[in-house]
Amino acid sequence: HDRAGWRLARAALARDAGLGWGLLENPRRLRIETIDALNAWLARQLP
């Protein structure tokens, strides 16, 4: 079970390395938000 999750992480890291995202150094690139935060972000896009 843990190995399946590890494989998913390895594939994500391979993509990260290939495209130079630097997710472990710059985790703010991960969009994990509350509904309120998403709504505020959308509103800021269309002031």
All heavy atoms as atom14 arrays in JSON, in Angstrom:
{
  "sequence": "HDRAGWRLARAALARDAGLGWGLLENPRRLRIETIDALNAWLARQLP",
  "atom14_mask": [
    [1, 1, 1, 1, 1, 1, 1, 1, 1, 1, 0, 0, 0, 0],
    [1, 1, 1, 1, 1, 1, 1, 1, 0, 0, 0, 0, 0, 0],
    [1, 1, 1, 1, 1, 1, 1, 1, 1, 1, 1, 0, 0, 0],
    [1, 1, 1, 1, 1, 0, 0, 0, 0, 0, 0, 0, 0, 0],
    [1, 1, 1, 1, 0, 0, 0, 0, 0, 0, 0, 0, 0, 0],
    [1, 1, 1, 1, 1, 1, 1, 1, 1, 1, 1, 1, 1, 1],
    [1, 1, 1, 1, 1, 1, 1, 1, 1, 1, 1, 0, 0, 0],
    [1, 1, 1, 1, 1, 1, 1, 1, 0, 0, 0, 0, 0, 0],
    [1, 1, 1, 1, 1, 0, 0, 0, 0, 0, 0, 0, 0, 0],
    [1, 1, 1, 1, 1, 1, 1, 1, 1, 1, 1, 0, 0, 0],
    [1, 1, 1, 1, 1, 0, 0, 0, 0, 0, 0, 0, 0, 0],
    [1, 1, 1, 1, 1, 0, 0, 0, 0, 0, 0, 0, 0, 0],
    [1, 1, 1, 1, 1, 1, 1, 1, 0, 0, 0, 0, 0, 0],
    [1, 1, 1, 1, 1, 0, 0, 0, 0, 0, 0, 0, 0, 0],
    [1, 1, 1, 1, 1, 1, 1, 1, 1, 1, 1, 0, 0, 0],
    [1, 1, 1, 1, 1, 1, 1, 1, 0, 0, 0, 0, 0, 0],
    [1, 1, 1, 1, 1, 0, 0, 0, 0, 0, 0, 0, 0, 0],
    [1, 1, 1, 1, 0, 0, 0, 0, 0, 0, 0, 0, 0, 0],
    [1, 1, 1, 1, 1, 1, 1, 1, 0, 0, 0, 0, 0, 0],
    [1, 1, 1, 1, 0, 0, 0, 0, 0, 0, 0, 0, 0, 0],
    [1, 1, 1, 1, 1, 1, 1, 1, 1, 1, 1, 1, 1, 1],
    [1, 1, 1, 1, 0, 0, 0, 0, 0, 0, 0, 0, 0, 0],
    [1, 1, 1, 1, 1, 1, 1, 1, 0, 0, 0, 0, 0, 0],
    [1, 1, 1, 1, 1, 1, 1, 1, 0, 0, 0, 0, 0, 0],
    [1, 1, 1, 1, 1, 1, 1, 1, 1, 0, 0, 0, 0, 0],
    [1, 1, 1, 1, 1, 1, 1, 1, 0, 0, 0, 0, 0, 0],
    [1, 1, 1, 1, 1, 1, 1, 0, 0, 0, 0, 0, 0, 0],
    [1, 1, 1, 1, 1, 1, 1, 1, 1, 1, 1, 0, 0, 0],
    [1, 1, 1, 1, 1, 1, 1, 1, 1, 1, 1, 0, 0, 0],
    [1, 1, 1, 1, 1, 1, 1, 1, 0, 0, 0, 0, 0, 0],
    [1, 1, 1, 1, 1, 1, 1, 1, 1, 1, 1, 0, 0, 0],
    [1, 1, 1, 1, 1, 1, 1, 1, 0, 0, 0, 0, 0, 0],
    [1, 1, 1, 1, 1, 1, 1, 1, 1, 0, 0, 0, 0, 0],
    [1, 1, 1, 1, 1, 1, 1, 0, 0, 0, 0, 0, 0, 0],
    [1, 1, 1, 1, 1, 1, 1, 1, 0, 0, 0, 0, 0, 0],
    [1, 1, 1, 1, 1, 1, 1, 1, 0, 0, 0, 0, 0, 0],
    [1, 1, 1, 1, 1, 0, 0, 0, 0, 0, 0, 0, 0, 0],
    [1, 1, 1, 1, 1, 1, 1, 1, 0, 0, 0, 0, 0, 0],
    [1, 1, 1, 1, 1, 1, 1, 1, 0, 0, 0, 0, 0, 0],
    [1, 1, 1, 1, 1, 0, 0, 0, 0, 0, 0, 0, 0, 0],
    [1, 1, 1, 1, 1, 1, 1, 1, 1, 1, 1, 1, 1, 1],
    [1, 1, 1, 1, 1, 1, 1, 1, 0, 0, 0, 0, 0, 0],
    [1, 1, 1, 1, 1, 0, 0, 0, 0, 0, 0, 0, 0, 0],
    [1, 1, 1, 1, 1, 1, 1, 1, 1, 1, 1, 0, 0, 0],
    [1, 1, 1, 1, 1, 1, 1, 1, 1, 0, 0, 0, 0, 0],
    [1, 1, 1, 1, 1, 1, 1, 1, 0, 0, 0, 0, 0, 0],
    [1, 1, 1, 1, 1, 1, 1, 0, 0, 0, 0, 0, 0, 0]
  ],
  "atom14_positions": [
    [[0.84, -1.2, 0.0], [0.0, 0.0, 0.0], [0.87, 1.26, 0.0], [0.66, 2.19, -0.78], [-0.94, -0.02, 1.21], [-1.81, 1.18, 1.3], [-2.9, 1.37, 0.5], [-1.73, 2.28, 2.09], [-3.47, 2.52, 0.79], [-2.78, 3.1, 1.76], [0.0, 0.0, 0.0], [0.0, 0.0, 0.0], [0.0, 0.0, 0.0], [0.0, 0.0, 0.0]],
    [[1.86, 1.29, 0.88], [2.77, 2.44, 0.96], [3.61, 2.57, -0.31], [3.9, 3.67, -0.77], [3.69, 2.33, 2.17], [2.93, 2.44, 3.48], [1.8, 2.97, 3.49], [3.48, 1.99, 4.51], [0.0, 0.0, 0.0], [0.0, 0.0, 0.0], [0.0, 0.0, 0.0], [0.0, 0.0, 0.0], [0.0, 0.0, 0.0], [0.0, 0.0, 0.0]],
    [[3.97, 1.44, -0.88], [4.76, 1.44, -2.11], [3.98, 2.07, -3.28], [4.54, 2.79, -4.1], [5.22, 0.02, -2.45], [6.34, -0.04, -3.44], [7.0, -1.42, -3.56], [6.09, -2.56, -3.52], [5.94, -3.39, -2.49], [6.65, -3.23, -1.39], [5.09, -4.39, -2.56], [0.0, 0.0, 0.0], [0.0, 0.0, 0.0], [0.0, 0.0, 0.0]],
    [[2.67, 1.85, -3.32], [1.83, 2.44, -4.37], [1.86, 3.97, -4.27], [2.0, 4.67, -5.28], [0.41, 1.92, -4.28], [0.0, 0.0, 0.0], [0.0, 0.0, 0.0], [0.0, 0.0, 0.0], [0.0, 0.0, 0.0], [0.0, 0.0, 0.0], [0.0, 0.0, 0.0], [0.0, 0.0, 0.0], [0.0, 0.0, 0.0], [0.0, 0.0, 0.0]],
    [[1.74, 4.5, -3.05], [1.83, 5.95, -2.85], [3.22, 6.48, -3.18], [3.36, 7.56, -3.76], [0.0, 0.0, 0.0], [0.0, 0.0, 0.0], [0.0, 0.0, 0.0], [0.0, 0.0, 0.0], [0.0, 0.0, 0.0], [0.0, 0.0, 0.0], [0.0, 0.0, 0.0], [0.0, 0.0, 0.0], [0.0, 0.0, 0.0], [0.0, 0.0, 0.0]],
    [[4.25, 5.73, -2.82], [5.64, 6.1, -3.11], [5.85, 6.22, -4.62], [6.48, 7.15, -5.09], [6.56, 5.05, -2.49], [8.01, 5.23, -2.75], [8.88, 6.06, -2.09], [8.8, 4.53, -3.71], [10.14, 5.92, -2.59], [10.13, 4.99, -3.59], [8.5, 3.56, -4.67], [11.16, 4.51, -4.39], [9.52, 3.09, -5.47], [10.83, 3.57, -5.32]],
    [[5.28, 5.26, -5.37], [5.42, 5.31, -6.85], [4.75, 6.56, -7.43], [5.27, 7.18, -8.35], [4.81, 4.05, -7.47], [5.67, 2.84, -7.34], [5.13, 1.7, -8.2], [5.76, 0.48, -7.84], [5.17, -0.54, -7.21], [3.89, -0.45, -6.88], [5.83, -1.62, -6.91], [0.0, 0.0, 0.0], [0.0, 0.0, 0.0], [0.0, 0.0, 0.0]],
    [[3.59, 6.92, -6.9], [2.91, 8.13, -7.35], [3.78, 9.36, -7.07], [3.9, 10.25, -7.92], [1.55, 8.28, -6.68], [0.48, 7.28, -7.09], [-0.72, 7.36, -6.15], [0.05, 7.52, -8.53], [0.0, 0.0, 0.0], [0.0, 0.0, 0.0], [0.0, 0.0, 0.0], [0.0, 0.0, 0.0], [0.0, 0.0, 0.0], [0.0, 0.0, 0.0]],
    [[4.38, 9.4, -5.89], [5.25, 10.53, -5.53], [6.47, 10.56, -6.44], [6.9, 11.63, -6.87], [5.66, 10.42, -4.07], [0.0, 0.0, 0.0], [0.0, 0.0, 0.0], [0.0, 0.0, 0.0], [0.0, 0.0, 0.0], [0.0, 0.0, 0.0], [0.0, 0.0, 0.0], [0.0, 0.0, 0.0], [0.0, 0.0, 0.0], [0.0, 0.0, 0.0]],
    [[7.04, 9.41, -6.75], [8.22, 9.35, -7.63], [7.88, 9.89, -9.02], [8.67, 10.62, -9.61], [8.73, 7.91, -7.75], [9.17, 7.27, -6.47], [10.52, 7.62, -6.03], [11.54, 7.08, -6.91], [12.83, 7.31, -6.74], [13.24, 8.03, -5.71], [13.7, 6.82, -7.57], [0.0, 0.0, 0.0], [0.0, 0.0, 0.0], [0.0, 0.0, 0.0]],
    [[6.71, 9.53, -9.54], [6.29, 10.03, -10.85], [6.09, 11.54, -10.82], [6.48, 12.25, -11.75], [5.01, 9.32, -11.3], [0.0, 0.0, 0.0], [0.0, 0.0, 0.0], [0.0, 0.0, 0.0], [0.0, 0.0, 0.0], [0.0, 0.0, 0.0], [0.0, 0.0, 0.0], [0.0, 0.0, 0.0], [0.0, 0.0, 0.0], [0.0, 0.0, 0.0]],
    [[5.5, 12.05, -9.74], [5.31, 13.5, -9.6], [6.66, 14.2, -9.51], [6.85, 15.26, -10.13], [4.46, 13.8, -8.36], [0.0, 0.0, 0.0], [0.0, 0.0, 0.0], [0.0, 0.0, 0.0], [0.0, 0.0, 0.0], [0.0, 0.0, 0.0], [0.0, 0.0, 0.0], [0.0, 0.0, 0.0], [0.0, 0.0, 0.0], [0.0, 0.0, 0.0]],
    [[7.59, 13.63, -8.78], [8.92, 14.24, -8.66], [9.69, 14.19, -9.98], [10.45, 15.12, -10.28], [9.73, 13.54, -7.56], [9.29, 13.85, -6.14], [9.98, 12.92, -5.16], [9.58, 15.31, -5.8], [0.0, 0.0, 0.0], [0.0, 0.0, 0.0], [0.0, 0.0, 0.0], [0.0, 0.0, 0.0], [0.0, 0.0, 0.0], [0.0, 0.0, 0.0]],
    [[9.48, 13.15, -10.77], [10.13, 13.08, -12.08], [9.61, 14.21, -12.98], [10.39, 14.87, -13.68], [9.88, 11.72, -12.72], [0.0, 0.0, 0.0], [0.0, 0.0, 0.0], [0.0, 0.0, 0.0], [0.0, 0.0, 0.0], [0.0, 0.0, 0.0], [0.0, 0.0, 0.0], [0.0, 0.0, 0.0], [0.0, 0.0, 0.0], [0.0, 0.0, 0.0]],
    [[8.32, 14.45, -12.92], [7.72, 15.55, -13.69], [8.24, 16.9, -13.18], [8.58, 17.79, -13.95], [6.2, 15.48, -13.58], [5.46, 16.44, -14.44], [5.49, 16.0, -15.86], [4.55, 16.79, -16.64], [4.44, 16.69, -17.93], [5.17, 15.84, -18.6], [3.59, 17.44, -18.57], [0.0, 0.0, 0.0], [0.0, 0.0, 0.0], [0.0, 0.0, 0.0]],
    [[8.31, 17.02, -11.86], [8.84, 18.22, -11.21], [10.26, 18.5, -11.69], [10.59, 19.63, -12.07], [8.8, 18.0, -9.7], [9.48, 19.1, -8.9], [8.89, 20.18, -8.79], [10.58, 18.86, -8.38], [0.0, 0.0, 0.0], [0.0, 0.0, 0.0], [0.0, 0.0, 0.0], [0.0, 0.0, 0.0], [0.0, 0.0, 0.0], [0.0, 0.0, 0.0]],
    [[11.1, 17.49, -11.7], [12.49, 17.66, -12.12], [12.57, 18.0, -13.61], [13.34, 18.87, -14.02], [13.29, 16.39, -11.83], [0.0, 0.0, 0.0], [0.0, 0.0, 0.0], [0.0, 0.0, 0.0], [0.0, 0.0, 0.0], [0.0, 0.0, 0.0], [0.0, 0.0, 0.0], [0.0, 0.0, 0.0], [0.0, 0.0, 0.0], [0.0, 0.0, 0.0]],
    [[11.74, 17.34, -14.41], [11.76, 17.57, -15.85], [11.33, 18.96, -16.25], [11.82, 19.51, -17.25], [0.0, 0.0, 0.0], [0.0, 0.0, 0.0], [0.0, 0.0, 0.0], [0.0, 0.0, 0.0], [0.0, 0.0, 0.0], [0.0, 0.0, 0.0], [0.0, 0.0, 0.0], [0.0, 0.0, 0.0], [0.0, 0.0, 0.0], [0.0, 0.0, 0.0]],
    [[10.42, 19.53, -15.49], [9.9, 20.86, -15.84], [10.41, 21.97, -14.93], [10.03, 23.13, -15.08], [8.37, 20.83, -15.84], [7.75, 19.91, -16.9], [6.24, 19.85, -16.76], [8.14, 20.37, -18.3], [0.0, 0.0, 0.0], [0.0, 0.0, 0.0], [0.0, 0.0, 0.0], [0.0, 0.0, 0.0], [0.0, 0.0, 0.0], [0.0, 0.0, 0.0]],
    [[11.26, 21.61, -13.96], [11.89, 22.62, -13.11], [10.96, 23.34, -12.16], [11.15, 24.52, -11.89], [0.0, 0.0, 0.0], [0.0, 0.0, 0.0], [0.0, 0.0, 0.0], [0.0, 0.0, 0.0], [0.0, 0.0, 0.0], [0.0, 0.0, 0.0], [0.0, 0.0, 0.0], [0.0, 0.0, 0.0], [0.0, 0.0, 0.0], [0.0, 0.0, 0.0]],
    [[9.96, 22.64, -11.62], [9.02, 23.29, -10.71], [9.63, 23.6, -9.36], [9.29, 24.62, -8.76], [7.79, 22.42, -10.48], [6.96, 22.12, -11.68], [6.88, 22.82, -12.85], [6.07, 21.02, -11.82], [6.0, 22.23, -13.7], [5.49, 21.12, -13.1], [5.72, 19.96, -11.0], [4.56, 20.19, -13.57], [4.8, 19.04, -11.47], [4.22, 19.16, -12.74]],
    [[10.43, 22.71, -8.83], [11.0, 22.9, -7.5], [9.96, 22.88, -6.39], [10.0, 23.72, -5.49], [0.0, 0.0, 0.0], [0.0, 0.0, 0.0], [0.0, 0.0, 0.0], [0.0, 0.0, 0.0], [0.0, 0.0, 0.0], [0.0, 0.0, 0.0], [0.0, 0.0, 0.0], [0.0, 0.0, 0.0], [0.0, 0.0, 0.0], [0.0, 0.0, 0.0]],
    [[9.05, 21.92, -6.43], [7.94, 21.9, -5.46], [8.39, 21.77, -4.02], [7.81, 22.39, -3.13], [6.97, 20.76, -5.79], [6.15, 20.95, -7.06], [5.28, 19.73, -7.3], [5.31, 22.22, -6.98], [0.0, 0.0, 0.0], [0.0, 0.0, 0.0], [0.0, 0.0, 0.0], [0.0, 0.0, 0.0], [0.0, 0.0, 0.0], [0.0, 0.0, 0.0]],
    [[9.43, 20.98, -3.76], [9.88, 20.84, -2.38], [10.5, 22.13, -1.86], [10.43, 22.42, -0.67], [10.85, 19.67, -2.25], [10.19, 18.29, -2.41], [11.24, 17.19, -2.42], [9.16, 18.05, -1.33], [0.0, 0.0, 0.0], [0.0, 0.0, 0.0], [0.0, 0.0, 0.0], [0.0, 0.0, 0.0], [0.0, 0.0, 0.0], [0.0, 0.0, 0.0]],
    [[11.07, 22.91, -2.75], [11.65, 24.2, -2.35], [10.62, 25.32, -2.41], [10.77, 26.35, -1.78], [12.83, 24.57, -3.27], [14.0, 23.61, -3.21], [13.78, 22.35, -4.07], [13.04, 22.41, -5.06], [14.34, 21.3, -3.7], [0.0, 0.0, 0.0], [0.0, 0.0, 0.0], [0.0, 0.0, 0.0], [0.0, 0.0, 0.0], [0.0, 0.0, 0.0]],
    [[9.57, 25.14, -3.2], [8.56, 26.16, -3.4], [7.16, 25.55, -3.33], [6.43, 25.51, -4.32], [8.78, 26.85, -4.76], [7.94, 28.08, -4.93], [7.33, 28.57, -3.99], [7.88, 28.58, -6.15], [0.0, 0.0, 0.0], [0.0, 0.0, 0.0], [0.0, 0.0, 0.0], [0.0, 0.0, 0.0], [0.0, 0.0, 0.0], [0.0, 0.0, 0.0]],
    [[6.75, 25.07, -2.14], [5.46, 24.38, -2.03], [4.24, 25.28, -2.22], [3.13, 24.78, -2.37], [5.5, 23.81, -0.6], [6.48, 24.66, 0.12], [7.49, 25.1, -0.9], [0.0, 0.0, 0.0], [0.0, 0.0, 0.0], [0.0, 0.0, 0.0], [0.0, 0.0, 0.0], [0.0, 0.0, 0.0], [0.0, 0.0, 0.0], [0.0, 0.0, 0.0]],
    [[4.43, 26.59, -2.26], [3.29, 27.49, -2.48], [2.71, 27.34, -3.88], [1.62, 27.84, -4.15], [3.7, 28.94, -2.22], [4.21, 29.04, -0.79], [4.07, 30.23, 0.04], [3.11, 31.24, 0.0], [1.93, 31.2, 0.63], [1.55, 30.13, 1.26], [1.13, 32.23, 0.61], [0.0, 0.0, 0.0], [0.0, 0.0, 0.0], [0.0, 0.0, 0.0]],
    [[3.4, 26.62, -4.74], [2.87, 26.36, -6.07], [1.73, 25.33, -6.03], [1.0, 25.19, -7.01], [3.98, 25.87, -7.0], [5.02, 26.96, -7.26], [5.9, 26.62, -8.41], [5.15, 26.73, -9.65], [5.69, 26.49, -10.85], [6.95, 26.16, -10.95], [4.96, 26.6, -11.94], [0.0, 0.0, 0.0], [0.0, 0.0, 0.0], [0.0, 0.0, 0.0]],
    [[1.59, 24.65, -4.91], [0.5, 23.68, -4.76], [-0.77, 24.43, -4.36], [-0.82, 25.08, -3.34], [0.85, 22.65, -3.68], [2.11, 21.82, -3.93], [2.41, 20.94, -2.73], [1.98, 20.99, -5.19], [0.0, 0.0, 0.0], [0.0, 0.0, 0.0], [0.0, 0.0, 0.0], [0.0, 0.0, 0.0], [0.0, 0.0, 0.0], [0.0, 0.0, 0.0]],
    [[-1.8, 24.35, -5.19], [-3.06, 25.06, -4.93], [-3.99, 24.18, -4.11], [-4.75, 23.4, -4.65], [-3.73, 25.44, -6.26], [-2.92, 26.27, -7.2], [-3.08, 27.77, -7.05], [-4.4, 28.25, -6.76], [-5.3, 28.66, -7.65], [-5.02, 28.64, -8.93], [-6.46, 29.1, -7.26], [0.0, 0.0, 0.0], [0.0, 0.0, 0.0], [0.0, 0.0, 0.0]],
    [[-3.87, 24.29, -2.81], [-4.71, 23.55, -1.88], [-5.35, 24.6, -0.99], [-4.67, 25.22, -0.18], [-3.88, 22.54, -1.07], [-3.11, 21.63, -2.02], [-4.77, 21.75, -0.13], [-1.94, 20.93, -1.4], [0.0, 0.0, 0.0], [0.0, 0.0, 0.0], [0.0, 0.0, 0.0], [0.0, 0.0, 0.0], [0.0, 0.0, 0.0], [0.0, 0.0, 0.0]],
    [[-6.65, 24.82, -1.19], [-7.28, 25.99, -0.6], [-8.64, 25.68, -0.01], [-9.24, 24.66, -0.32], [-7.47, 27.06, -1.69], [-6.2, 27.41, -2.41], [-6.44, 28.36, -3.58], [-7.6, 28.61, -3.95], [-5.44, 28.84, -4.11], [0.0, 0.0, 0.0], [0.0, 0.0, 0.0], [0.0, 0.0, 0.0], [0.0, 0.0, 0.0], [0.0, 0.0, 0.0]],
    [[-9.13, 26.62, 0.77], [-10.51, 26.56, 1.22], [-11.4, 27.14, 0.12], [-10.93, 27.85, -0.78], [-10.72, 27.37, 2.51], [-10.45, 28.74, 2.23], [-9.84, 26.87, 3.64], [0.0, 0.0, 0.0], [0.0, 0.0, 0.0], [0.0, 0.0, 0.0], [0.0, 0.0, 0.0], [0.0, 0.0, 0.0], [0.0, 0.0, 0.0], [0.0, 0.0, 0.0]],
    [[-12.68, 26.88, 0.22], [-13.63, 27.46, -0.73], [-13.57, 28.99, -0.67], [-13.57, 29.66, -1.7], [-15.06, 26.94, -0.45], [-15.13, 25.45, -0.75], [-16.09, 27.72, -1.24], [-16.4, 24.78, -0.29], [0.0, 0.0, 0.0], [0.0, 0.0, 0.0], [0.0, 0.0, 0.0], [0.0, 0.0, 0.0], [0.0, 0.0, 0.0], [0.0, 0.0, 0.0]],
    [[-13.48, 29.53, 0.54], [-13.4, 30.99, 0.7], [-12.16, 31.56, 0.03], [-12.23, 32.6, -0.64], [-13.4, 31.37, 2.18], [-14.73, 31.1, 2.85], [-15.74, 30.91, 2.14], [-14.76, 31.09, 4.09], [0.0, 0.0, 0.0], [0.0, 0.0, 0.0], [0.0, 0.0, 0.0], [0.0, 0.0, 0.0], [0.0, 0.0, 0.0], [0.0, 0.0, 0.0]],
    [[-11.02, 30.91, 0.2], [-9.78, 31.4, -0.41], [-9.86, 31.35, -1.92], [-9.4, 32.26, -2.62], [-8.59, 30.6, 0.09], [0.0, 0.0, 0.0], [0.0, 0.0, 0.0], [0.0, 0.0, 0.0], [0.0, 0.0, 0.0], [0.0, 0.0, 0.0], [0.0, 0.0, 0.0], [0.0, 0.0, 0.0], [0.0, 0.0, 0.0], [0.0, 0.0, 0.0]],
    [[-10.45, 30.28, -2.46], [-10.6, 30.18, -3.91], [-11.5, 31.29, -4.43], [-11.2, 31.95, -5.43], [-11.15, 28.81, -4.31], [-11.39, 28.66, -5.81], [-10.09, 28.69, -6.6], [-12.16, 27.37, -6.09], [0.0, 0.0, 0.0], [0.0, 0.0, 0.0], [0.0, 0.0, 0.0], [0.0, 0.0, 0.0], [0.0, 0.0, 0.0], [0.0, 0.0, 0.0]],
    [[-12.62, 31.55, -3.73], [-13.53, 32.61, -4.16], [-12.85, 33.97, -4.13], [-13.03, 34.79, -5.03], [-14.78, 32.62, -3.29], [-15.7, 31.46, -3.6], [-15.69, 30.92, -4.7], [-16.5, 31.06, -2.64], [0.0, 0.0, 0.0], [0.0, 0.0, 0.0], [0.0, 0.0, 0.0], [0.0, 0.0, 0.0], [0.0, 0.0, 0.0], [0.0, 0.0, 0.0]],
    [[-12.07, 34.22, -3.1], [-11.34, 35.49, -3.01], [-10.34, 35.61, -4.15], [-10.21, 36.68, -4.76], [-10.64, 35.61, -1.66], [0.0, 0.0, 0.0], [0.0, 0.0, 0.0], [0.0, 0.0, 0.0], [0.0, 0.0, 0.0], [0.0, 0.0, 0.0], [0.0, 0.0, 0.0], [0.0, 0.0, 0.0], [0.0, 0.0, 0.0], [0.0, 0.0, 0.0]],
    [[-9.64, 34.53, -4.47], [-8.68, 34.55, -5.58], [-9.4, 34.84, -6.89], [-8.94, 35.67, -7.69], [-7.94, 33.21, -5.65], [-6.97, 33.15, -6.79], [-5.7, 33.64, -6.81], [-7.21, 32.6, -8.09], [-5.12, 33.41, -8.04], [-6.03, 32.77, -8.84], [-8.29, 31.96, -8.68], [-5.91, 32.34, -10.16], [-8.17, 31.52, -9.99], [-7.0, 31.71, -10.71]],
    [[-10.54, 34.18, -7.12], [-11.3, 34.41, -8.35], [-11.76, 35.86, -8.44], [-11.67, 36.48, -9.5], [-12.51, 33.47, -8.41], [-12.2, 32.0, -8.67], [-13.46, 31.16, -8.47], [-11.63, 31.8, -10.06], [0.0, 0.0, 0.0], [0.0, 0.0, 0.0], [0.0, 0.0, 0.0], [0.0, 0.0, 0.0], [0.0, 0.0, 0.0], [0.0, 0.0, 0.0]],
    [[-12.23, 36.42, -7.34], [-12.69, 37.81, -7.33], [-11.53, 38.76, -7.65], [-11.72, 39.75, -8.36], [-13.31, 38.16, -5.99], [0.0, 0.0, 0.0], [0.0, 0.0, 0.0], [0.0, 0.0, 0.0], [0.0, 0.0, 0.0], [0.0, 0.0, 0.0], [0.0, 0.0, 0.0], [0.0, 0.0, 0.0], [0.0, 0.0, 0.0], [0.0, 0.0, 0.0]],
    [[-10.35, 38.46, -7.15], [-9.19, 39.31, -7.44], [-8.78, 39.25, -8.9], [-8.17, 40.17, -9.43], [-8.01, 38.92, -6.55], [-8.15, 39.39, -5.11], [-6.87, 39.23, -4.32], [-6.35, 37.88, -4.33], [-6.69, 36.91, -3.47], [-7.58, 37.16, -2.51], [-6.15, 35.71, -3.55], [0.0, 0.0, 0.0], [0.0, 0.0, 0.0], [0.0, 0.0, 0.0]],
    [[-9.12, 38.16, -9.59], [-8.78, 38.02, -11.0], [-9.68, 38.9, -11.87], [-9.32, 39.26, -12.98], [-8.89, 36.56, -11.46], [-8.02, 35.6, -10.69], [-6.58, 36.05, -10.56], [-5.91, 36.28, -11.55], [-6.12, 36.23, -9.34], [0.0, 0.0, 0.0], [0.0, 0.0, 0.0], [0.0, 0.0, 0.0], [0.0, 0.0, 0.0], [0.0, 0.0, 0.0]],
    [[-10.84, 39.25, -11.37], [-11.82, 40.07, -12.1], [-12.23, 41.25, -11.23], [-13.38, 41.36, -10.81], [-13.05, 39.22, -12.46], [-12.78, 37.97, -13.28], [-13.98, 37.07, -13.29], [-12.38, 38.37, -14.7], [0.0, 0.0, 0.0], [0.0, 0.0, 0.0], [0.0, 0.0, 0.0], [0.0, 0.0, 0.0], [0.0, 0.0, 0.0], [0.0, 0.0, 0.0]],
    [[-11.31, 42.18, -10.96], [-11.61, 43.24, -9.98], [-12.78, 44.13, -10.36], [-13.54, 44.55, -9.49], [-10.31, 44.03, -9.9], [-9.55, 43.67, -11.11], [-9.99, 42.29, -11.52], [0.0, 0.0, 0.0], [0.0, 0.0, 0.0], [0.0, 0.0, 0.0], [0.0, 0.0, 0.0], [0.0, 0.0, 0.0], [0.0, 0.0, 0.0], [0.0, 0.0, 0.0]]
  ]
}
